[in-house]
Protein backbone atom coordinates (compact mmCIF):
# COMPACT_ATOMS: atom_id res chain seq x y z
CA MET A 1 14.67 -11.39 -19.73
CA PRO A 2 14.05 -10.31 -15.73
CA ASP A 3 14.61 -12.68 -13.06
CA ALA A 4 11.37 -11.64 -11.28
CA TYR A 5 8.09 -10.52 -12.44
CA TYR A 6 5.88 -8.41 -9.62
CA PHE A 7 2.39 -8.84 -10.20
CA VAL A 8 -1.08 -8.21 -8.58
CA ASP A 9 -4.05 -10.81 -9.19
CA VAL A 10 -7.33 -9.06 -9.28
CA ASN A 11 -10.69 -10.97 -9.25
CA THR A 12 -12.49 -9.37 -12.06
CA THR A 13 -16.10 -10.32 -10.61
CA THR A 14 -15.53 -8.79 -7.39
CA LEU A 15 -12.61 -6.47 -8.03
CA GLU A 16 -10.74 -7.68 -4.82
CA ILE A 17 -7.13 -8.26 -4.89
CA GLY A 18 -6.54 -12.07 -4.75
CA ALA A 19 -2.85 -12.47 -4.55
CA ILE A 20 0.33 -10.15 -4.93
CA GLY A 21 3.78 -11.48 -5.06
CA VAL A 22 6.67 -12.36 -7.27
CA THR A 23 7.30 -15.04 -9.82
CA ALA A 24 10.32 -16.14 -12.01
CA ALA A 25 8.02 -16.68 -15.26
CA ALA A 26 5.45 -14.48 -16.70
CA ASN A 27 2.92 -15.02 -19.88
CA HIS A 28 2.09 -11.09 -19.91
CA SER A 29 -1.22 -11.98 -21.55
CA GLY A 30 -3.04 -11.94 -17.83
CA ASP A 31 -4.11 -15.16 -18.11
CA SER A 32 -4.27 -17.03 -14.93
CA GLY A 33 -6.24 -20.39 -15.65
CA ASP A 34 -9.35 -19.18 -13.66
CA ASP A 35 -11.61 -16.85 -15.63
CA ASP A 36 -12.35 -14.63 -12.72
CA ILE A 37 -8.68 -13.98 -12.14
CA HIS A 38 -6.72 -11.51 -13.99
CA ARG A 39 -2.77 -11.10 -13.30
CA ILE A 40 -1.43 -7.69 -13.66
CA PHE A 41 2.18 -7.24 -13.84
CA LEU A 42 3.81 -4.36 -12.15
CA PRO A 43 6.67 -2.58 -14.25
CA SER A 44 9.38 -2.66 -11.49
CA GLU A 45 10.10 -3.98 -8.17
CA GLY A 46 10.06 -0.27 -6.81
CA GLN A 47 6.29 0.18 -7.85
CA TYR A 48 5.85 -3.38 -6.25
CA ASN A 49 7.49 -2.06 -3.16
CA LYS A 50 5.34 1.31 -3.06
CA LEU A 51 2.22 -0.76 -3.32
CA ILE A 52 3.05 -3.19 -0.67
CA ALA A 53 4.00 -0.49 1.86
CA LYS A 54 0.22 0.62 1.62
CA ILE A 55 -1.37 -2.55 2.32
CA ALA A 56 -1.77 -3.33 6.03
CA PRO A 57 0.83 -6.00 7.05
CA ALA A 58 -2.01 -8.33 8.19
CA ARG A 59 -3.82 -8.30 4.72
CA LEU A 60 -0.25 -8.65 3.24
CA ALA A 61 0.67 -11.81 4.97
CA ASP A 62 -2.99 -13.36 3.45
CA LEU A 63 -2.21 -12.04 -0.19
CA SER A 64 1.53 -12.54 -0.67
CA VAL A 65 2.50 -15.58 -2.80
CA SER A 66 5.82 -16.49 -4.37
CA SER A 67 5.56 -18.81 -7.30
């Protein structure tokens, strides 16, 4: 199993990114405990890095989480 899972949390009502980050555990169902939030796992660290490189640094600071 991987040591890290890279993810994006998307609000399914507003279609906004709620969080982006890395976690040590993954349920792979996308369930987050919040009916409006769906967690999407990225396939690799490289894809995660490409995504965060496109996000403005100030906005990225607001979105980044590590759990």
